C-alpha atoms as a PDB file:
ATOM      1  CA  UNK A   1      -3.624 -71.805  15.852  1.00  0.00           C
ATOM      2  CA  UNK A   2      -0.392 -73.808  15.609  1.00  0.00           C
ATOM      3  CA  UNK A   3      -1.549 -75.245  12.305  1.00  0.00           C
ATOM      4  CA  UNK A   4      -2.144 -71.741  10.887  1.00  0.00           C
ATOM      5  CA  UNK A   5       1.267 -70.603  12.178  1.00  0.00           C
ATOM      6  CA  UNK A   6       2.959 -73.605  10.581  1.00  0.00           C
ATOM      7  CA  UNK A   7       1.239 -72.956   7.259  1.00  0.00           C
ATOM      8  CA  UNK A   8       2.318 -69.303   7.397  1.00  0.00           C
ATOM      9  CA  UNK A   9       5.905 -70.241   8.246  1.00  0.00           C
ATOM     10  CA  UNK A  10       5.874 -72.769   5.422  1.00  0.00           C
ATOM     11  CA  UNK A  11       4.705 -70.131   2.947  1.00  0.00           C
ATOM     12  CA  UNK A  12       7.385 -67.707   4.156  1.00  0.00           C
ATOM     13  CA  UNK A  13      10.090 -70.355   3.779  1.00  0.00           C
ATOM     14  CA  UNK A  14       8.802 -71.275   0.315  1.00  0.00           C
ATOM     15  CA  UNK A  15       8.776 -67.612  -0.771  1.00  0.00           C
ATOM     16  CA  UNK A  16      12.278 -67.067   0.593  1.00  0.00           C
ATOM     17  CA  UNK A  17      13.511 -70.200  -1.175  1.00  0.00           C
ATOM     18  CA  UNK A  18      11.962 -69.012  -4.453  1.00  0.00           C
ATOM     19  CA  UNK A  19      13.557 -65.580  -4.007  1.00  0.00           C
ATOM     20  CA  UNK A  20      16.981 -67.113  -3.382  1.00  0.00           C
ATOM     21  CA  UNK A  21      16.550 -69.384  -6.383  1.00  0.00           C
ATOM     22  CA  UNK A  22      15.505 -66.456  -8.598  1.00  0.00           C
ATOM     23  CA  UNK A  23      18.477 -64.381  -7.437  1.00  0.00           C
ATOM     24  CA  UNK A  24      20.832 -67.277  -8.066  1.00  0.00           C
ATOM     25  CA  UNK A  25      19.461 -67.722 -11.583  1.00  0.00           C
ATOM     26  CA  UNK A  26      19.818 -63.992 -12.196  1.00  0.00           C
ATOM     27  CA  UNK A  27      23.412 -64.122 -11.033  1.00  0.00           C
ATOM     28  CA  UNK A  28      24.109 -67.037 -13.366  1.00  0.00           C
ATOM     29  CA  UNK A  29      22.533 -65.376 -16.415  1.00  0.00           C
ATOM     30  CA  UNK A  30      25.240 -63.767 -18.549  1.00  0.00           C
ATOM     31  CA  UNK A  31      25.315 -60.086 -19.394  1.00  0.00           C
ATOM     32  CA  UNK A  32      24.313 -59.872 -23.057  1.00  0.00           C
ATOM     33  CA  UNK A  33      25.882 -57.380 -25.461  1.00  0.00           C
ATOM     34  CA  UNK A  34      23.900 -57.130 -28.667  1.00  0.00           C
ATOM     35  CA  UNK A  35      26.327 -55.893 -31.318  1.00  0.00           C
ATOM     36  CA  UNK A  36      24.481 -54.721 -34.432  1.00  0.00           C
ATOM     37  CA  UNK A  37      26.025 -53.610 -37.725  1.00  0.00           C
ATOM     38  CA  UNK A  38      24.913 -53.056 -41.323  1.00  0.00           C
ATOM     39  CA  UNK A  39      27.562 -54.806 -43.452  1.00  0.00           C
ATOM     40  CA  UNK A  40      28.225 -58.401 -44.438  1.00  0.00           C
ATOM     41  CA  UNK A  41      30.023 -60.849 -42.152  1.00  0.00           C
ATOM     42  CA  UNK A  42      32.911 -61.231 -44.601  1.00  0.00           C
ATOM     43  CA  UNK A  43      33.867 -57.527 -44.636  1.00  0.00           C
ATOM     44  CA  UNK A  44      36.642 -56.183 -42.375  1.00  0.00           C
ATOM     45  CA  UNK A  45      34.058 -54.842 -39.925  1.00  0.00           C
ATOM     46  CA  UNK A  46      32.059 -58.052 -39.993  1.00  0.00           C
ATOM     47  CA  UNK A  47      35.128 -60.184 -39.331  1.00  0.00           C
ATOM     48  CA  UNK A  48      36.368 -57.879 -36.574  1.00  0.00           C
ATOM     49  CA  UNK A  49      32.964 -57.935 -34.854  1.00  0.00           C
ATOM     50  CA  UNK A  50      32.981 -61.736 -34.904  1.00  0.00           C
ATOM     51  CA  UNK A  51      36.551 -61.785 -33.608  1.00  0.00           C
ATOM     52  CA  UNK A  52      35.575 -59.480 -30.747  1.00  0.00           C
ATOM     53  CA  UNK A  53      32.610 -61.707 -29.880  1.00  0.00           C
ATOM     54  CA  UNK A  54      34.798 -64.817 -29.854  1.00  0.00           C
ATOM     55  CA  UNK A  55      37.324 -63.251 -27.501  1.00  0.00           C
ATOM     56  CA  UNK A  56      34.710 -61.969 -25.050  1.00  0.00           C
ATOM     57  CA  UNK A  57      32.730 -65.198 -25.092  1.00  0.00           C
ATOM     58  CA  UNK A  58      35.857 -67.316 -24.517  1.00  0.00           C
ATOM     59  CA  UNK A  59      37.129 -65.172 -21.665  1.00  0.00           C
ATOM     60  CA  UNK A  60      33.818 -64.277 -20.065  1.00  0.00           C
ATOM     61  CA  UNK A  61      33.405 -67.673 -18.371  1.00  0.00           C
ATOM     62  CA  UNK A  62      29.670 -67.496 -18.956  1.00  0.00           C
ATOM     63  CA  UNK A  63      29.350 -64.116 -17.234  1.00  0.00           C
ATOM     64  CA  UNK A  64      29.207 -62.009 -20.376  1.00  0.00           C
ATOM     65  CA  UNK A  65      28.251 -62.832 -23.958  1.00  0.00           C
ATOM     66  CA  UNK A  66      28.363 -60.900 -27.232  1.00  0.00           C
ATOM     67  CA  UNK A  67      25.718 -61.574 -29.873  1.00  0.00           C
ATOM     68  CA  UNK A  68      26.546 -60.156 -33.325  1.00  0.00           C
ATOM     69  CA  UNK A  69      23.772 -59.174 -35.749  1.00  0.00           C
ATOM     70  CA  UNK A  70      25.263 -58.319 -39.183  1.00  0.00           C
ATOM     71  CA  UNK A  71      23.829 -57.051 -42.457  1.00  0.00           C
ATOM     72  CA  UNK A  72      21.083 -54.850 -40.954  1.00  0.00           C
ATOM     73  CA  UNK A  73      19.376 -57.866 -39.360  1.00  0.00           C
ATOM     74  CA  UNK A  74      18.194 -55.686 -36.488  1.00  0.00           C
ATOM     75  CA  UNK A  75      18.477 -52.073 -37.638  1.00  0.00           C
ATOM     76  CA  UNK A  76      19.223 -50.178 -40.845  1.00  0.00           C
ATOM     77  CA  UNK A  77      21.521 -47.177 -41.196  1.00  0.00           C
ATOM     78  CA  UNK A  78      18.874 -44.675 -40.222  1.00  0.00           C
ATOM     79  CA  UNK A  79      17.639 -46.675 -37.237  1.00  0.00           C
ATOM     80  CA  UNK A  80      20.687 -47.903 -35.355  1.00  0.00           C
ATOM     81  CA  UNK A  81      21.695 -44.670 -33.599  1.00  0.00           C
ATOM     82  CA  UNK A  82      18.280 -44.318 -32.039  1.00  0.00           C
ATOM     83  CA  UNK A  83      18.415 -47.995 -31.046  1.00  0.00           C
ATOM     84  CA  UNK A  84      21.660 -47.619 -29.091  1.00  0.00           C
ATOM     85  CA  UNK A  85      20.526 -44.423 -27.391  1.00  0.00           C
ATOM     86  CA  UNK A  86      17.324 -46.185 -26.306  1.00  0.00           C
ATOM     87  CA  UNK A  87      19.284 -49.224 -25.104  1.00  0.00           C
ATOM     88  CA  UNK A  88      17.658 -51.589 -27.603  1.00  0.00           C
ATOM     89  CA  UNK A  89      21.199 -52.668 -28.540  1.00  0.00           C
ATOM     90  CA  UNK A  90      24.326 -52.226 -26.499  1.00  0.00           C
ATOM     91  CA  UNK A  91      26.981 -51.894 -29.215  1.00  0.00           C
ATOM     92  CA  UNK A  92      27.320 -50.600 -32.759  1.00  0.00           C
ATOM     93  CA  UNK A  93      30.114 -49.887 -35.218  1.00  0.00           C
ATOM     94  CA  UNK A  94      28.601 -47.133 -37.384  1.00  0.00           C
ATOM     95  CA  UNK A  95      30.561 -45.294 -40.014  1.00  0.00           C
ATOM     96  CA  UNK A  96      31.959 -42.013 -38.763  1.00  0.00           C
ATOM     97  CA  UNK A  97      29.605 -40.094 -41.059  1.00  0.00           C
ATOM     98  CA  UNK A  98      26.685 -41.125 -38.821  1.00  0.00           C
ATOM     99  CA  UNK A  99      27.676 -38.766 -35.996  1.00  0.00           C
ATOM    100  CA  UNK A 100      27.028 -35.578 -37.947  1.00  0.00           C
ATOM    101  CA  UNK A 101      23.267 -36.181 -38.128  1.00  0.00           C
ATOM    102  CA  UNK A 102      23.427 -37.109 -34.422  1.00  0.00           C
ATOM    103  CA  UNK A 103      24.595 -33.562 -33.704  1.00  0.00           C
ATOM    104  CA  UNK A 104      28.339 -34.166 -33.292  1.00  0.00           C
ATOM    105  CA  UNK A 105      29.423 -32.485 -36.508  1.00  0.00           C
ATOM    106  CA  UNK A 106      33.123 -32.633 -35.702  1.00  0.00           C
ATOM    107  CA  UNK A 107      33.196 -36.288 -36.785  1.00  0.00           C
ATOM    108  CA  UNK A 108      32.463 -35.204 -40.322  1.00  0.00           C
ATOM    109  CA  UNK A 109      36.094 -34.201 -40.660  1.00  0.00           C
ATOM    110  CA  UNK A 110      36.671 -37.854 -41.607  1.00  0.00           C
ATOM    111  CA  UNK A 111      34.404 -37.326 -44.629  1.00  0.00           C
ATOM    112  CA  UNK A 112      36.531 -34.509 -46.042  1.00  0.00           C
ATOM    113  CA  UNK A 113      37.930 -35.620 -49.412  1.00  0.00           C
ATOM    114  CA  UNK A 114      41.672 -36.175 -49.655  1.00  0.00           C
ATOM    115  CA  UNK A 115      42.382 -35.132 -46.042  1.00  0.00           C
ATOM    116  CA  UNK A 116      44.318 -38.357 -45.347  1.00  0.00           C
ATOM    117  CA  UNK A 117      46.956 -39.506 -47.805  1.00  0.00           C
ATOM    118  CA  UNK A 118      47.557 -42.868 -46.151  1.00  0.00           C
ATOM    119  CA  UNK A 119      46.878 -44.998 -43.072  1.00  0.00           C
ATOM    120  CA  UNK A 120      49.867 -43.618 -41.186  1.00  0.00           C
ATOM    121  CA  UNK A 121      48.464 -40.081 -41.404  1.00  0.00           C
ATOM    122  CA  UNK A 122      44.998 -41.296 -40.487  1.00  0.00           C
ATOM    123  CA  UNK A 123      46.144 -43.204 -37.403  1.00  0.00           C
ATOM    124  CA  UNK A 124      47.964 -40.171 -36.053  1.00  0.00           C
ATOM    125  CA  UNK A 125      44.456 -38.744 -35.628  1.00  0.00           C
ATOM    126  CA  UNK A 126      42.406 -41.787 -34.604  1.00  0.00           C
ATOM    127  CA  UNK A 127      45.012 -43.180 -32.194  1.00  0.00           C
ATOM    128  CA  UNK A 128      46.000 -39.811 -30.747  1.00  0.00           C
ATOM    129  CA  UNK A 129      44.564 -37.138 -28.448  1.00  0.00           C
ATOM    130  CA  UNK A 130      42.295 -35.790 -31.170  1.00  0.00           C
ATOM    131  CA  UNK A 131      40.551 -39.135 -31.567  1.00  0.00           C
ATOM    132  CA  UNK A 132      39.996 -39.360 -27.806  1.00  0.00           C
ATOM    133  CA  UNK A 133      38.615 -35.806 -27.694  1.00  0.00           C
ATOM    134  CA  UNK A 134      36.089 -36.642 -30.375  1.00  0.00           C
ATOM    135  CA  UNK A 135      34.848 -39.644 -28.391  1.00  0.00           C
ATOM    136  CA  UNK A 136      34.284 -37.392 -25.362  1.00  0.00           C
ATOM    137  CA  UNK A 137      31.821 -35.376 -27.449  1.00  0.00           C
ATOM    138  CA  UNK A 138      29.573 -38.448 -27.744  1.00  0.00           C
ATOM    139  CA  UNK A 139      28.997 -38.849 -24.018  1.00  0.00           C
ATOM    140  CA  UNK A 140      26.242 -36.175 -23.733  1.00  0.00           C
ATOM    141  CA  UNK A 141      24.398 -38.230 -26.364  1.00  0.00           C
ATOM    142  CA  UNK A 142      24.437 -41.282 -24.096  1.00  0.00           C
ATOM    143  CA  UNK A 143      27.236 -42.973 -26.041  1.00  0.00           C
ATOM    144  CA  UNK A 144      30.749 -44.104 -25.072  1.00  0.00           C
ATOM    145  CA  UNK A 145      33.369 -44.544 -27.790  1.00  0.00           C
ATOM    146  CA  UNK A 146      35.625 -47.586 -27.524  1.00  0.00           C
ATOM    147  CA  UNK A 147      37.684 -47.796 -30.729  1.00  0.00           C
ATOM    148  CA  UNK A 148      38.172 -46.674 -34.310  1.00  0.00           C
ATOM    149  CA  UNK A 149      38.142 -49.408 -36.955  1.00  0.00           C
ATOM    150  CA  UNK A 150      39.378 -48.921 -40.499  1.00  0.00           C
ATOM    151  CA  UNK A 151      37.470 -50.032 -43.535  1.00  0.00           C
ATOM    152  CA  UNK A 152      39.543 -48.291 -46.136  1.00  0.00           C
ATOM    153  CA  UNK A 153      39.825 -45.587 -48.735  1.00  0.00           C
ATOM    154  CA  UNK A 154      36.888 -45.126 -51.073  1.00  0.00           C
ATOM    155  CA  UNK A 155      36.671 -45.501 -54.830  1.00  0.00           C
ATOM    156  CA  UNK A 156      34.006 -44.078 -57.113  1.00  0.00           C
ATOM    157  CA  UNK A 157      31.830 -46.481 -59.084  1.00  0.00           C
ATOM    158  CA  UNK A 158      29.288 -45.734 -61.802  1.00  0.00           C
ATOM    159  CA  UNK A 159      27.881 -46.969 -65.084  1.00  0.00           C
ATOM    160  CA  UNK A 160      29.872 -44.196 -66.726  1.00  0.00           C
ATOM    161  CA  UNK A 161      33.650 -43.770 -66.597  1.00  0.00           C
ATOM    162  CA  UNK A 162      34.471 -41.023 -64.068  1.00  0.00           C
ATOM    163  CA  UNK A 163      38.146 -40.116 -64.401  1.00  0.00           C
ATOM    164  CA  UNK A 164      37.850 -36.324 -64.557  1.00  0.00           C
ATOM    165  CA  UNK A 165      35.626 -33.860 -62.677  1.00  0.00           C
ATOM    166  CA  UNK A 166      33.656 -33.182 -65.887  1.00  0.00           C
ATOM    167  CA  UNK A 167      32.713 -36.881 -66.112  1.00  0.00           C
ATOM    168  CA  UNK A 168      30.614 -36.661 -62.943  1.00  0.00           C
ATOM    169  CA  UNK A 169      28.273 -33.866 -63.989  1.00  0.00           C
ATOM    170  CA  UNK A 170      24.594 -34.782 -63.734  1.00  0.00           C
ATOM    171  CA  UNK A 171      25.106 -38.236 -62.227  1.00  0.00           C
ATOM    172  CA  UNK A 172      22.967 -39.402 -59.301  1.00  0.00           C
ATOM    173  CA  UNK A 173      25.283 -40.866 -56.664  1.00  0.00           C
ATOM    174  CA  UNK A 174      24.348 -42.587 -53.423  1.00  0.00           C
ATOM    175  CA  UNK A 175      25.939 -41.218 -50.269  1.00  0.00           C
ATOM    176  CA  UNK A 176      25.578 -41.656 -46.548  1.00  0.00           C
ATOM    177  CA  UNK A 177      23.773 -38.935 -44.632  1.00  0.00           C
ATOM    178  CA  UNK A 178      26.532 -36.338 -44.357  1.00  0.00           C
ATOM    179  CA  UNK A 179      26.577 -32.653 -45.235  1.00  0.00           C
ATOM    180  CA  UNK A 180      30.263 -32.976 -46.099  1.00  0.00           C
ATOM    181  CA  UNK A 181      29.605 -35.790 -48.557  1.00  0.00           C
ATOM    182  CA  UNK A 182      26.778 -33.764 -50.081  1.00  0.00           C
ATOM    183  CA  UNK A 183      29.227 -30.892 -50.540  1.00  0.00           C
ATOM    184  CA  UNK A 184      31.782 -33.281 -52.054  1.00  0.00           C
ATOM    185  CA  UNK A 185      29.315 -34.553 -54.626  1.00  0.00           C
ATOM    186  CA  UNK A 186      27.986 -31.104 -55.501  1.00  0.00           C
ATOM    187  CA  UNK A 187      31.563 -29.915 -56.083  1.00  0.00           C
ATOM    188  CA  UNK A 188      31.677 -32.537 -58.835  1.00  0.00           C
ATOM    189  CA  UNK A 189      28.300 -31.556 -60.274  1.00  0.00           C
ATOM    190  CA  UNK A 190      26.690 -34.716 -58.894  1.00  0.00           C
ATOM    191  CA  UNK A 191      23.135 -35.030 -57.577  1.00  0.00           C
ATOM    192  CA  UNK A 192      23.658 -36.692 -54.172  1.00  0.00           C
ATOM    193  CA  UNK A 193      21.137 -39.309 -53.040  1.00  0.00           C
ATOM    194  CA  UNK A 194      21.078 -40.276 -49.344  1.00  0.00           C
ATOM    195  CA  UNK A 195      19.960 -43.863 -48.725  1.00  0.00           C
ATOM    196  CA  UNK A 196      20.547 -46.793 -46.386  1.00  0.00           C
ATOM    197  CA  UNK A 197      23.457 -49.065 -47.241  1.00  0.00           C
ATOM    198  CA  UNK A 198      21.166 -52.105 -47.443  1.00  0.00           C
ATOM    199  CA  UNK A 199      19.175 -50.435 -50.243  1.00  0.00           C
ATOM    200  CA  UNK A 200      22.093 -49.509 -52.510  1.00  0.00           C
ATOM    201  CA  UNK A 201      22.317 -52.687 -54.598  1.00  0.00           C
ATOM    202  CA  UNK A 202      18.696 -52.481 -55.683  1.00  0.00           C
ATOM    203  CA  UNK A 203      18.977 -48.745 -56.331  1.00  0.00           C
ATOM    204  CA  UNK A 204      21.968 -49.353 -58.613  1.00  0.00           C
ATOM    205  CA  UNK A 205      20.262 -52.295 -60.288  1.00  0.00           C
ATOM    206  CA  UNK A 206      17.095 -50.340 -61.062  1.00  0.00           C
ATOM    207  CA  UNK A 207      18.835 -47.103 -62.041  1.00  0.00           C
ATOM    208  CA  UNK A 208      17.503 -45.074 -59.107  1.00  0.00           C
ATOM    209  CA  UNK A 209      21.141 -44.003 -58.714  1.00  0.00           C
ATOM    210  CA  UNK A 210      23.962 -44.115 -61.259  1.00  0.00           C
ATOM    211  CA  UNK A 211      26.810 -44.831 -58.879  1.00  0.00           C
ATOM    212  CA  UNK A 212      28.270 -44.575 -55.412  1.00  0.00           C
ATOM    213  CA  UNK A 213      31.507 -44.518 -53.411  1.00  0.00           C
ATOM    214  CA  UNK A 214      32.849 -47.401 -51.341  1.00  0.00           C
ATOM    215  CA  UNK A 215      36.001 -49.161 -50.254  1.00  0.00           C
ATOM    216  CA  UNK A 216      36.436 -52.205 -52.513  1.00  0.00           C
ATOM    217  CA  UNK A 217      35.502 -54.669 -49.745  1.00  0.00           C
ATOM    218  CA  UNK A 218      32.030 -53.140 -49.372  1.00  0.00           C
ATOM    219  CA  UNK A 219      31.659 -52.848 -53.135  1.00  0.00           C
ATOM    220  CA  UNK A 220      32.440 -56.530 -53.692  1.00  0.00           C
ATOM    221  CA  UNK A 221      30.694 -58.152 -50.722  1.00  0.00           C
ATOM    222  CA  UNK A 222      27.475 -56.252 -51.507  1.00  0.00           C
ATOM    223  CA  UNK A 223      27.749 -57.517 -55.112  1.00  0.00           C
ATOM    224  CA  UNK A 224      27.734 -53.995 -56.528  1.00  0.00           C
ATOM    225  CA  UNK A 225      30.145 -55.198 -59.201  1.00  0.00           C
ATOM    226  CA  UNK A 226      27.173 -57.014 -60.714  1.00  0.00           C
ATOM    227  CA  UNK A 227      25.380 -53.708 -61.389  1.00  0.00           C
ATOM    228  CA  UNK A 228      28.212 -51.219 -62.026  1.00  0.00           C
ATOM    229  CA  UNK A 229      30.334 -50.924 -65.161  1.00  0.00           C
ATOM    230  CA  UNK A 230      33.300 -49.026 -63.719  1.00  0.00           C
ATOM    231  CA  UNK A 231      35.185 -48.692 -60.445  1.00  0.00           C
ATOM    232  CA  UNK A 232      37.740 -45.870 -60.533  1.00  0.00           C
ATOM    233  CA  UNK A 233      40.580 -46.185 -58.028  1.00  0.00           C
ATOM    234  CA  UNK A 234      40.279 -42.630 -56.765  1.00  0.00           C
ATOM    235  CA  UNK A 235      41.036 -43.311 -53.064  1.00  0.00           C
ATOM    236  CA  UNK A 236      39.488 -39.887 -52.527  1.00  0.00           C
ATOM    237  CA  UNK A 237      37.999 -40.382 -49.078  1.00  0.00           C
ATOM    238  CA  UNK A 238      38.184 -42.510 -45.985  1.00  0.00           C
ATOM    239  CA  UNK A 239      35.537 -44.823 -44.581  1.00  0.00           C
ATOM    240  CA  UNK A 240      36.012 -45.879 -40.998  1.00  0.00           C
ATOM    241  CA  UNK A 241      33.917 -46.904 -38.061  1.00  0.00           C
ATOM    242  CA  UNK A 242      33.625 -46.045 -34.401  1.00  0.00           C
ATOM    243  CA  UNK A 243      32.817 -48.931 -32.095  1.00  0.00           C
ATOM    244  CA  UNK A 244      30.424 -47.432 -29.587  1.00  0.00           C
ATOM    245  CA  UNK A 245      28.460 -48.656 -26.593  1.00  0.00           C
ATOM    246  CA  UNK A 246      25.420 -47.391 -24.721  1.00  0.00           C
ATOM    247  CA  UNK A 247      26.902 -45.196 -21.955  1.00  0.00           C
ATOM    248  CA  UNK A 248      24.435 -46.221 -19.233  1.00  0.00           C
ATOM    249  CA  UNK A 249      25.087 -49.884 -19.969  1.00  0.00           C
ATOM    250  CA  UNK A 250      28.857 -49.311 -20.023  1.00  0.00           C
ATOM    251  CA  UNK A 251      28.922 -47.364 -16.780  1.00  0.00           C
ATOM    252  CA  UNK A 252      26.884 -50.089 -15.074  1.00  0.00           C
ATOM    253  CA  UNK A 253      29.093 -52.950 -16.247  1.00  0.00           C
ATOM    254  CA  UNK A 254      31.070 -54.558 -13.372  1.00  0.00           C
ATOM    255  CA  UNK A 255      34.785 -53.660 -13.555  1.00  0.00           C
ATOM    256  CA  UNK A 256      35.916 -57.246 -14.172  1.00  0.00           C
ATOM    257  CA  UNK A 257      33.566 -57.639 -17.144  1.00  0.00           C
ATOM    258  CA  UNK A 258      34.432 -54.207 -18.490  1.00  0.00           C
ATOM    259  CA  UNK A 259      38.104 -55.141 -18.482  1.00  0.00           C
ATOM    260  CA  UNK A 260      37.357 -58.277 -20.508  1.00  0.00           C
ATOM    261  CA  UNK A 261      35.576 -56.109 -23.090  1.00  0.00           C
ATOM    262  CA  UNK A 262      38.370 -53.491 -23.155  1.00  0.00           C
ATOM    263  CA  UNK A 263      41.110 -56.070 -23.698  1.00  0.00           C
ATOM    264  CA  UNK A 264      39.111 -57.900 -26.371  1.00  0.00           C
ATOM    265  CA  UNK A 265      38.379 -54.596 -28.110  1.00  0.00           C
ATOM    266  CA  UNK A 266      42.057 -53.610 -28.164  1.00  0.00           C
ATOM    267  CA  UNK A 267      42.983 -56.931 -29.755  1.00  0.00           C
ATOM    268  CA  UNK A 268      40.063 -56.814 -32.191  1.00  0.00           C
ATOM    269  CA  UNK A 269      41.005 -53.286 -33.250  1.00  0.00           C
ATOM    270  CA  UNK A 270      44.528 -54.379 -34.151  1.00  0.00           C
ATOM    271  CA  UNK A 271      42.998 -57.283 -36.057  1.00  0.00           C
ATOM    272  CA  UNK A 272      40.433 -55.071 -37.828  1.00  0.00           C
ATOM    273  CA  UNK A 273      42.971 -52.534 -38.994  1.00  0.00           C
ATOM    274  CA  UNK A 274      45.465 -55.179 -40.073  1.00  0.00           C
ATOM    275  CA  UNK A 275      43.001 -56.971 -42.317  1.00  0.00           C
ATOM    276  CA  UNK A 276      41.335 -53.881 -43.801  1.00  0.00           C
ATOM    277  CA  UNK A 277      44.058 -53.219 -46.363  1.00  0.00           C
ATOM    278  CA  UNK A 278      44.346 -56.883 -47.357  1.00  0.00           C
ATOM    279  CA  UNK A 279      40.577 -57.275 -47.683  1.00  0.00           C
ATOM    280  CA  UNK A 280      40.370 -54.259 -49.972  1.00  0.00           C
ATOM    281  CA  UNK A 281      43.238 -55.472 -52.115  1.00  0.00           C
ATOM    282  CA  UNK A 282      41.687 -58.947 -52.364  1.00  0.00           C
ATOM    283  CA  UNK A 283      38.269 -57.493 -53.179  1.00  0.00           C
ATOM    284  CA  UNK A 284      39.743 -55.334 -55.931  1.00  0.00           C
ATOM    285  CA  UNK A 285      41.301 -58.450 -57.436  1.00  0.00           C
ATOM    286  CA  UNK A 286      37.976 -60.279 -57.141  1.00  0.00           C
ATOM    287  CA  UNK A 287      36.138 -57.455 -58.916  1.00  0.00           C
ATOM    288  CA  UNK A 288      38.693 -57.594 -61.735  1.00  0.00           C
ATOM    289  CA  UNK A 289      38.398 -61.365 -61.952  1.00  0.00           C
ATOM    290  CA  UNK A 290      34.604 -61.181 -62.193  1.00  0.00           C
ATOM    291  CA  UNK A 291      34.855 -59.429 -65.537  1.00  0.00           C
ATOM    292  CA  UNK A 292      31.684 -57.499 -64.728  1.00  0.00           C
ATOM    293  CA  UNK A 293      33.178 -54.211 -63.551  1.00  0.00           C
ATOM    294  CA  UNK A 294      36.196 -52.568 -65.135  1.00  0.00           C
ATOM    295  CA  UNK A 295      38.680 -51.391 -62.495  1.00  0.00           C
ATOM    296  CA  UNK A 296      40.322 -48.195 -63.708  1.00  0.00           C
ATOM    297  CA  UNK A 297      43.424 -46.638 -62.097  1.00  0.00           C
ATOM    298  CA  UNK A 298      44.028 -42.891 -62.130  1.00  0.00           C
ATOM    299  CA  UNK A 299      47.204 -41.305 -63.397  1.00  0.00           C
ATOM    300  CA  UNK A 300      48.937 -38.857 -61.011  1.00  0.00           C
ATOM    301  CA  UNK A 301      47.708 -35.992 -63.209  1.00  0.00           C
ATOM    302  CA  UNK A 302      44.093 -37.229 -63.130  1.00  0.00           C
ATOM    303  CA  UNK A 303      44.204 -37.685 -59.370  1.00  0.00           C
ATOM    304  CA  UNK A 304      45.679 -34.190 -58.965  1.00  0.00           C
ATOM    305  CA  UNK A 305      42.899 -32.675 -61.068  1.00  0.00           C
ATOM    306  CA  UNK A 306      40.250 -34.411 -58.964  1.00  0.00           C
ATOM    307  CA  UNK A 307      41.987 -33.351 -55.771  1.00  0.00           C
ATOM    308  CA  UNK A 308      42.099 -29.665 -56.767  1.00  0.00           C
ATOM    309  CA  UNK A 309      38.335 -29.641 -57.265  1.00  0.00           C
ATOM    310  CA  UNK A 310      37.461 -31.545 -54.096  1.00  0.00           C
ATOM    311  CA  UNK A 311      39.886 -29.850 -51.724  1.00  0.00           C
ATOM    312  CA  UNK A 312      37.652 -26.766 -51.866  1.00  0.00           C
ATOM    313  CA  UNK A 313      35.184 -28.708 -49.723  1.00  0.00           C
ATOM    314  CA  UNK A 314      37.540 -28.297 -46.741  1.00  0.00           C
ATOM    315  CA  UNK A 315      37.103 -24.530 -46.800  1.00  0.00           C
ATOM    316  CA  UNK A 316      33.368 -24.760 -47.414  1.00  0.00           C
ATOM    317  CA  UNK A 317      32.905 -26.962 -44.349  1.00  0.00           C
ATOM    318  CA  UNK A 318      34.969 -24.921 -41.882  1.00  0.00           C
ATOM    319  CA  UNK A 319      31.826 -23.349 -40.443  1.00  0.00           C
ATOM    320  CA  UNK A 320      30.302 -26.765 -39.852  1.00  0.00           C
ATOM    321  CA  UNK A 321      33.268 -28.822 -38.641  1.00  0.00           C
ATOM    322  CA  UNK A 322      35.422 -26.031 -37.228  1.00  0.00           C
ATOM    323  CA  UNK A 323      38.334 -24.271 -38.891  1.00  0.00           C
ATOM    324  CA  UNK A 324      40.594 -24.876 -35.875  1.00  0.00           C
ATOM    325  CA  UNK A 325      39.802 -28.598 -35.869  1.00  0.00           C
ATOM    326  CA  UNK A 326      40.614 -28.933 -39.567  1.00  0.00           C
ATOM    327  CA  UNK A 327      43.905 -27.090 -38.997  1.00  0.00           C
ATOM    328  CA  UNK A 328      44.735 -29.473 -36.132  1.00  0.00           C
ATOM    329  CA  UNK A 329      44.210 -32.405 -38.489  1.00  0.00           C
ATOM    330  CA  UNK A 330      46.486 -30.747 -41.062  1.00  0.00           C
ATOM    331  CA  UNK A 331      49.138 -30.375 -38.374  1.00  0.00           C
ATOM    332  CA  UNK A 332      48.833 -34.005 -37.251  1.00  0.00           C
ATOM    333  CA  UNK A 333      48.977 -35.394 -40.784  1.00  0.00           C
ATOM    334  CA  UNK A 334      51.374 -32.928 -42.379  1.00  0.00           C
ATOM    335  CA  UNK A 335      48.833 -32.023 -45.047  1.00  0.00           C
ATOM    336  CA  UNK A 336      49.282 -28.645 -46.738  1.00  0.00           C
ATOM    337  CA  UNK A 337      46.418 -27.617 -49.054  1.00  0.00           C
ATOM    338  CA  UNK A 338      48.473 -24.684 -50.356  1.00  0.00           C
ATOM    339  CA  UNK A 339      50.907 -27.044 -52.075  1.00  0.00           C
ATOM    340  CA  UNK A 340      48.358 -28.539 -54.486  1.00  0.00           C
END
């Protein structure tokens, strides 16, 4: 009887010891943040994501770790939103155009052509109350917004010179999935083609599409200059990103770890926005130096002509984005469409 009792006590002690050991190992295991994005490491977003990971990993003391997966290694454009909602990844930095298809159409205001004249006007929106209000609209989708990161202002590229609205007619142009961008292209007489960013180079190379729109850093790092004859410096639209996190994961993060992430994100955002302009300027120079794509500036008159055609998209999209919201952006930026 004593032998049986001793064996039982031994088993209980062994089980308790294993439980304690398992709990201790669990406590030692770091919280992992998988940060997925679809662009190259040497773009502004890619560099900012790596900077954020470095800061968190240095300050986390082994308690929290960020793993960055660039260039669609984990998920493509059309897959990543579902992945974050399902918790398959914890963090993304999708372009702002991605939130329209998610059901938060207000974000498509950032796709409106010529709504921001410069970074100062843009940041009055992204860094102000309006930017915070837009992030609140993501929470019912299981997403928490952390920061806005700039990429830059977009230029048109094609195998045909596109300096005037008439030059665009009949071209097939790749766009992101956005009703506003579709409207923009149709205003120019373009046939819009929605496709994942990772597929654009091949589509341009094979002639599936004739051209596209990108900030110079994306254009150059994705080697589009190898398969496009012209890049017109239209600066007609803005491409930016929202750094977002799975809401359930974020809400369950211990306060001390959350603060590490918040501080690192604030610093990384300043870094991201500071390098965006330089990266685009450097990429433009690199495209010119390649001799493969001709970089063509627009005269003030040519830009004005393009603007008059595309500004009509604002009115067309009031029912989708919200007339009041567009007017609030006008007020924040000082934009007056009646003065064109």
